Amino acid sequence: MSADRHYTLLIALLAILTLALFLLSLTTGPAGIAFAHSMKALLSDKADGVALIMREIRLPRALLGLMIGATLGLSGAVLQGYLRNPLAEPGLLGISASASLGAVLAIYTGLSASFLLALPLAALAGAVAAVLVVQAIAGARGGALLVILAGIAISSFAGAMTSLALNLSPNPFAAVEIMFWMLGSLTDRSMVHVWLAAPFMLIGWAMLGSLGRALDALTLGSETAASMGIGLRKVQFLAVFGTAAGVGAATAVAGAIGFVGLVVPHILRPLVGARPSRLLPASALGGACMVLAADILVRIVAPERDLKLGVLTAIVGAPFFLWLVFRTRRSLL
């Protein structure tokens, strides 16, 4: 089988798996509604209890799982290609930590209790602030190393400020809410969250998806890519701001969901070959599959304990990360 046919088959299989998991997510829950009944209620004009569950609870949750997974997978593939670092993932730029800090401040100050959208809007503001600071520190001529160092600094500062907010919180209930939100979850999300996150994610997808040719050229080195007409400043802008738009929106509505952007590109890279442009759509679909599957599992494994989505992805991702570090160390020996 040729490489092109193999790649087409892989994308088709990932698309089918994504659709199957999306439908399964729509029909999984404590209500125990049959598949046919669920789909009929979702597509009907009735306003009964089953239709309300499908449209107001399960549909937003499935849509956000799809969108957030695709965003994390795509941004992880782009950052690993741009930074040429196999350990790169969206959290490396400090966007997730800063978005979490914005949401924590909204909870800490009580804004989230007085205004429904205060929490996601504050998280988006934190993501925007992070990327502006990273871009300012790295500078227009800053390379991948400066972007990584700036991101690590911002992530460390945001994490420290989040810990400070927890430490100084006078309300124990607010502290518990902060901790639960930081664990990442799609529970109790509505279509309002979908509509809030969708425009930013679409912008992020457009910016990141346009980098395929540039990432292919960067595999030959920065100087070679520049000689081929690739604008390195433009690539940096699209990679950083595209990640900020997509991952910032994802963190704003679901909290911190880690390791998806790290794990998925590594799993799929051997299957798509050496061209980063082919990894982008595959990682987007793979990320959607991973988040949808994890969200289905949290509803099955411990539905009465409200197991958090970010906890499950970390349980899967952390051992993989350690294995990746070990493999990288062995390759350097």
Protein backbone atom coordinates (compact mmCIF):
# COMPACT_ATOMS: atom_id res chain seq x y z
CA MET A 1 0.00 0.00 0.00
CA SER A 2 1.34 3.45 -0.95
CA ALA A 3 2.06 6.07 1.71
CA ASP A 4 -0.77 8.30 0.44
CA ARG A 5 -3.33 5.52 0.60
CA HIS A 6 -2.09 4.49 4.03
CA TYR A 7 -2.47 8.08 5.27
CA THR A 8 -5.95 8.42 3.75
CA LEU A 9 -7.03 5.19 5.41
CA LEU A 10 -5.65 6.36 8.77
CA ILE A 11 -7.56 9.67 8.57
CA ALA A 12 -10.74 7.84 7.57
CA LEU A 13 -10.42 5.42 10.50
CA LEU A 14 -9.76 8.26 12.95
CA ALA A 15 -12.78 10.16 11.60
CA ILE A 16 -15.01 7.09 12.00
CA LEU A 17 -13.69 6.50 15.53
CA THR A 18 -14.28 10.15 16.42
CA LEU A 19 -17.88 9.96 15.15
CA ALA A 20 -18.50 6.72 17.05
CA LEU A 21 -17.14 8.16 20.30
CA PHE A 22 -19.16 11.35 19.81
CA LEU A 23 -22.37 9.33 19.46
CA LEU A 24 -21.39 7.18 22.42
CA SER A 25 -20.79 10.32 24.48
CA LEU A 26 -24.28 11.51 23.58
CA THR A 27 -25.83 8.30 24.85
CA THR A 28 -23.76 7.70 28.01
CA GLY A 29 -24.99 8.92 31.36
CA PRO A 30 -26.80 8.08 34.58
CA ALA A 31 -30.23 8.56 32.99
CA GLY A 32 -29.92 5.22 31.17
CA ILE A 33 -31.73 6.32 28.01
CA ALA A 34 -31.65 3.88 25.08
CA PHE A 35 -29.62 4.90 22.01
CA ALA A 36 -32.58 5.09 19.61
CA HIS A 37 -34.66 7.01 22.14
CA SER A 38 -31.77 9.42 22.75
CA MET A 39 -31.26 10.20 19.09
CA LYS A 40 -34.99 10.59 18.48
CA ALA A 41 -35.33 13.00 21.40
CA LEU A 42 -32.30 15.01 20.25
CA LEU A 43 -33.66 15.47 16.73
CA SER A 44 -37.32 15.98 17.64
CA ASP A 45 -39.13 19.24 18.35
CA LYS A 46 -40.52 18.01 21.66
CA ALA A 47 -39.54 19.60 24.96
CA ASP A 48 -39.91 16.62 27.28
CA GLY A 49 -37.43 15.48 29.92
CA VAL A 50 -35.37 13.28 27.61
CA ALA A 51 -35.03 16.04 25.01
CA LEU A 52 -33.92 18.44 27.75
CA ILE A 53 -31.25 16.01 28.93
CA MET A 54 -29.97 15.49 25.38
CA ARG A 55 -29.92 19.14 24.30
CA GLU A 56 -28.92 20.90 27.49
CA ILE A 57 -26.60 18.36 29.14
CA ARG A 58 -25.23 15.69 26.82
CA LEU A 59 -24.94 17.61 23.53
CA PRO A 60 -22.85 20.50 24.98
CA ARG A 61 -20.64 18.00 26.80
CA ALA A 62 -20.02 15.93 23.67
CA LEU A 63 -19.39 19.01 21.52
CA LEU A 64 -16.91 20.44 24.01
CA GLY A 65 -15.12 17.09 24.27
CA LEU A 66 -14.78 17.01 20.49
CA MET A 67 -13.64 20.63 20.20
CA ILE A 68 -11.25 20.62 23.15
CA GLY A 69 -9.65 17.32 22.15
CA ALA A 70 -9.11 18.52 18.58
CA THR A 71 -7.62 21.78 19.85
CA LEU A 72 -5.19 20.11 22.25
CA GLY A 73 -4.10 17.49 19.71
CA LEU A 74 -3.59 20.03 16.92
CA SER A 75 -1.73 22.54 19.08
CA GLY A 76 0.53 19.82 20.47
CA ALA A 77 1.49 18.67 16.96
CA VAL A 78 2.20 22.24 15.86
CA LEU A 79 4.31 23.11 18.90
CA GLN A 80 6.38 19.93 18.64
CA GLY A 81 7.00 20.72 14.97
CA TYR A 82 7.75 24.42 15.47
CA LEU A 83 9.88 24.07 18.60
CA ARG A 84 11.44 20.85 17.27
CA ASN A 85 11.09 19.43 20.76
CA PRO A 86 9.42 16.04 21.32
CA LEU A 87 8.43 17.10 24.85
CA ALA A 88 6.59 20.24 23.75
CA GLU A 89 2.88 20.54 24.51
CA PRO A 90 0.39 23.43 24.93
CA GLY A 91 1.12 23.89 28.63
CA LEU A 92 4.75 24.67 27.79
CA LEU A 93 3.86 28.24 26.75
CA GLY A 94 2.20 29.01 30.07
CA ILE A 95 -1.21 29.45 28.42
CA SER A 96 -3.02 26.77 30.42
CA ALA A 97 -1.51 27.92 33.72
CA SER A 98 -2.35 31.57 33.03
CA ALA A 99 -5.88 30.75 31.94
CA SER A 100 -6.27 28.76 35.15
CA LEU A 101 -4.97 31.73 37.13
CA GLY A 102 -7.55 34.01 35.51
CA ALA A 103 -10.34 31.61 36.44
CA VAL A 104 -8.98 31.21 39.97
CA LEU A 105 -9.01 34.98 40.45
CA ALA A 106 -12.62 35.09 39.26
CA ILE A 107 -13.54 32.50 41.88
CA TYR A 108 -11.37 34.09 44.58
CA THR A 109 -12.88 37.56 44.14
CA GLY A 110 -16.44 36.26 43.91
CA LEU A 111 -16.98 37.43 40.33
CA SER A 112 -17.89 33.92 39.20
CA ALA A 113 -20.77 33.86 41.68
CA SER A 114 -22.20 37.20 40.56
CA PHE A 115 -21.72 36.81 36.78
CA LEU A 116 -22.22 33.51 34.93
CA LEU A 117 -19.52 34.10 32.30
CA ALA A 118 -17.00 35.75 34.61
CA LEU A 119 -14.98 32.55 35.04
CA PRO A 120 -14.46 31.65 31.35
CA LEU A 121 -13.93 35.28 30.37
CA ALA A 122 -11.32 35.73 33.11
CA ALA A 123 -9.60 32.55 31.94
CA LEU A 124 -9.51 33.84 28.37
CA ALA A 125 -8.05 37.12 29.61
CA GLY A 126 -5.34 35.17 31.44
CA ALA A 127 -4.47 33.23 28.28
CA VAL A 128 -4.25 36.44 26.22
CA ALA A 129 -2.05 38.08 28.86
CA ALA A 130 0.26 35.06 28.89
CA VAL A 131 0.80 34.99 25.16
CA LEU A 132 1.41 38.74 25.03
CA VAL A 133 4.06 38.44 27.74
CA VAL A 134 5.66 35.42 26.05
CA GLN A 135 5.77 37.28 22.74
CA ALA A 136 7.22 40.38 24.41
CA ILE A 137 9.93 38.40 26.20
CA ALA A 138 10.85 36.32 23.17
CA GLY A 139 10.77 39.36 20.87
CA ALA A 140 10.19 39.50 17.15
CA ARG A 141 13.56 37.85 16.49
CA GLY A 142 13.37 35.36 19.33
CA GLY A 143 13.77 31.77 18.32
CA ALA A 144 12.18 28.59 19.64
CA LEU A 145 14.47 28.47 22.70
CA LEU A 146 13.41 31.91 23.91
CA VAL A 147 9.74 31.01 23.42
CA ILE A 148 10.22 27.87 25.55
CA LEU A 149 12.08 29.75 28.31
CA ALA A 150 9.49 32.55 28.36
CA GLY A 151 6.68 30.00 28.51
CA ILE A 152 8.29 28.14 31.41
CA ALA A 153 8.74 31.41 33.31
CA ILE A 154 5.10 32.44 32.78
CA SER A 155 3.85 28.98 33.69
CA SER A 156 5.87 28.96 36.93
CA PHE A 157 4.68 32.45 37.88
CA ALA A 158 1.03 31.63 37.15
CA GLY A 159 1.29 28.41 39.15
CA ALA A 160 2.81 30.28 42.09
CA MET A 161 0.06 32.92 42.01
CA THR A 162 -2.60 30.20 41.86
CA SER A 163 -1.08 28.53 44.92
CA LEU A 164 -1.00 31.91 46.67
CA ALA A 165 -4.69 32.45 45.95
CA LEU A 166 -5.45 29.03 47.42
CA ASN A 167 -3.27 29.75 50.44
CA LEU A 168 -4.92 33.11 51.18
CA SER A 169 -8.49 32.13 50.35
CA PRO A 170 -10.65 33.07 53.37
CA ASN A 171 -13.50 30.92 52.15
CA PRO A 172 -12.90 27.14 52.28
CA PHE A 173 -15.73 26.56 49.83
CA ALA A 174 -14.03 28.85 47.30
CA ALA A 175 -10.78 26.93 47.78
CA VAL A 176 -12.56 23.64 47.11
CA GLU A 177 -14.22 25.12 44.01
CA ILE A 178 -10.84 26.32 42.77
CA MET A 179 -9.29 22.89 43.26
CA PHE A 180 -12.14 21.09 41.52
CA TRP A 181 -12.08 23.51 38.58
CA MET A 182 -8.33 23.09 38.12
CA LEU A 183 -8.74 19.32 37.81
CA GLY A 184 -10.61 19.76 34.51
CA SER A 185 -14.11 18.58 33.75
CA LEU A 186 -16.93 18.79 31.20
CA THR A 187 -19.66 18.26 33.79
CA ASP A 188 -22.49 20.83 33.91
CA ARG A 189 -21.38 22.65 30.78
CA SER A 190 -24.06 24.24 28.58
CA MET A 191 -24.40 25.52 25.04
CA VAL A 192 -23.38 28.94 26.37
CA HIS A 193 -19.90 27.52 26.98
CA VAL A 194 -19.88 26.01 23.49
CA TRP A 195 -20.76 29.31 21.84
CA LEU A 196 -18.22 31.17 23.98
CA ALA A 197 -15.33 28.85 23.12
CA ALA A 198 -16.18 28.08 19.48
CA PRO A 199 -15.08 31.40 17.86
CA PHE A 200 -11.68 31.36 19.59
CA MET A 201 -11.13 27.70 18.75
CA LEU A 202 -12.04 28.26 15.10
CA ILE A 203 -9.52 31.10 14.92
CA GLY A 204 -6.91 28.88 16.57
CA TRP A 205 -7.62 26.00 14.18
CA ALA A 206 -7.29 28.31 11.16
CA MET A 207 -3.96 29.73 12.37
CA LEU A 208 -2.46 26.39 13.36
CA GLY A 209 -3.79 24.51 10.35
CA SER A 210 -2.09 26.96 7.99
CA LEU A 211 1.37 26.00 9.24
CA GLY A 212 1.68 22.61 7.53
CA ARG A 213 4.05 23.68 4.74
CA ALA A 214 6.15 25.78 7.12
CA LEU A 215 6.56 22.91 9.58
CA ASP A 216 7.61 20.60 6.74
CA ALA A 217 10.27 23.12 5.77
CA LEU A 218 11.46 23.56 9.36
CA THR A 219 12.41 19.89 9.51
CA LEU A 220 15.35 20.91 7.28
CA GLY A 221 16.44 23.63 9.72
CA SER A 222 15.57 27.29 10.26
CA GLU A 223 18.09 28.65 7.76
CA THR A 224 16.97 26.27 5.04
CA ALA A 225 13.32 27.07 5.74
CA ALA A 226 14.05 30.80 5.50
CA SER A 227 15.82 30.27 2.17
CA MET A 228 12.67 28.53 0.91
CA GLY A 229 10.60 31.64 1.60
CA ILE A 230 9.22 30.66 5.01
CA GLY A 231 8.72 33.70 7.25
CA LEU A 232 9.95 32.55 10.65
CA ARG A 233 8.37 35.52 12.45
CA LYS A 234 5.02 34.73 10.90
CA VAL A 235 5.35 31.06 11.86
CA GLN A 236 6.11 32.01 15.46
CA PHE A 237 3.15 34.41 15.56
CA LEU A 238 0.70 31.85 14.15
CA ALA A 239 1.97 29.02 16.37
CA VAL A 240 1.90 31.04 19.60
CA PHE A 241 -1.30 33.02 19.05
CA GLY A 242 -3.11 30.06 17.46
CA THR A 243 -2.30 27.96 20.51
CA ALA A 244 -3.36 30.79 22.81
CA ALA A 245 -6.72 31.20 21.09
CA GLY A 246 -7.57 27.50 21.03
CA VAL A 247 -6.06 26.25 24.29
CA GLY A 248 -7.06 29.40 26.15
CA ALA A 249 -10.68 28.86 25.15
CA ALA A 250 -10.48 25.16 26.04
CA THR A 251 -9.07 25.91 29.49
CA ALA A 252 -11.62 28.68 29.99
CA VAL A 253 -14.60 26.35 29.66
CA ALA A 254 -13.22 23.04 30.95
CA GLY A 255 -10.29 23.75 33.25
CA ALA A 256 -6.85 22.24 32.84
CA ILE A 257 -6.77 19.03 30.79
CA GLY A 258 -3.19 17.97 30.38
CA PHE A 259 -1.06 15.51 28.40
CA VAL A 260 -3.41 15.23 25.39
CA GLY A 261 -1.22 17.52 23.29
CA LEU A 262 1.86 15.55 24.32
CA VAL A 263 0.61 11.99 23.98
CA VAL A 264 -1.49 12.06 20.81
CA PRO A 265 1.14 13.42 18.36
CA HIS A 266 3.67 10.87 19.59
CA ILE A 267 1.27 7.98 19.15
CA LEU A 268 0.34 9.02 15.61
CA ARG A 269 3.70 10.26 14.31
CA PRO A 270 5.03 6.80 13.37
CA LEU A 271 1.80 6.17 11.45
CA VAL A 272 1.87 9.33 9.30
CA GLY A 273 5.55 9.48 8.37
CA ALA A 274 8.10 12.26 8.69
CA ARG A 275 5.94 15.12 7.34
CA PRO A 276 4.55 17.32 10.15
CA SER A 277 1.81 18.65 7.85
CA ARG A 278 0.24 15.18 7.79
CA LEU A 279 0.38 14.94 11.56
CA LEU A 280 -1.82 18.02 12.06
CA PRO A 281 -5.23 16.63 10.96
CA ALA A 282 -4.40 13.21 12.41
CA SER A 283 -3.56 14.75 15.80
CA ALA A 284 -6.72 16.85 15.79
CA LEU A 285 -8.85 13.73 15.28
CA GLY A 286 -6.73 11.70 17.70
CA GLY A 287 -7.05 14.38 20.38
CA ALA A 288 -10.82 14.44 19.93
CA CYS A 289 -10.90 10.65 20.31
CA MET A 290 -8.80 10.75 23.48
CA VAL A 291 -10.85 13.43 25.25
CA LEU A 292 -14.19 11.92 24.21
CA ALA A 293 -13.07 8.47 25.35
CA ALA A 294 -11.77 9.83 28.67
CA ASP A 295 -15.00 11.74 29.28
CA ILE A 296 -17.02 8.59 28.61
CA LEU A 297 -14.85 6.66 31.07
CA VAL A 298 -15.31 9.17 33.89
CA ARG A 299 -19.06 8.63 33.57
CA ILE A 300 -18.67 4.84 33.65
CA VAL A 301 -15.83 4.19 36.11
CA ALA A 302 -17.05 6.25 39.08
CA PRO A 303 -20.24 8.14 38.19
CA GLU A 304 -21.16 8.71 41.83
CA ARG A 305 -17.75 10.24 42.74
CA ASP A 306 -17.51 12.76 39.86
CA LEU A 307 -14.07 11.65 38.68
CA LYS A 308 -12.44 14.63 36.95
CA LEU A 309 -11.45 14.46 33.29
CA GLY A 310 -8.05 16.07 33.85
CA VAL A 311 -7.22 13.44 36.47
CA LEU A 312 -7.88 10.60 34.04
CA THR A 313 -5.86 12.14 31.19
CA ALA A 314 -2.98 12.71 33.63
CA ILE A 315 -3.12 9.07 34.77
CA VAL A 316 -2.68 8.03 31.14
CA GLY A 317 -0.31 10.82 30.12
CA ALA A 318 2.17 10.91 33.00
CA PRO A 319 3.51 7.34 32.54
CA PHE A 320 3.77 8.00 28.80
CA PHE A 321 5.73 11.18 29.53
CA LEU A 322 8.15 9.28 31.75
CA TRP A 323 8.59 6.62 29.08
CA LEU A 324 9.27 9.34 26.51
CA VAL A 325 11.92 10.96 28.72
CA PHE A 326 13.55 7.56 29.27
CA ARG A 327 13.56 6.83 25.54
CA THR A 328 15.03 10.26 24.80
CA ARG A 329 17.78 9.71 27.36
CA ARG A 330 18.66 6.33 25.83
CA SER A 331 18.90 7.89 22.36
CA LEU A 332 21.44 10.41 23.70
CA LEU A 333 23.70 7.76 25.22
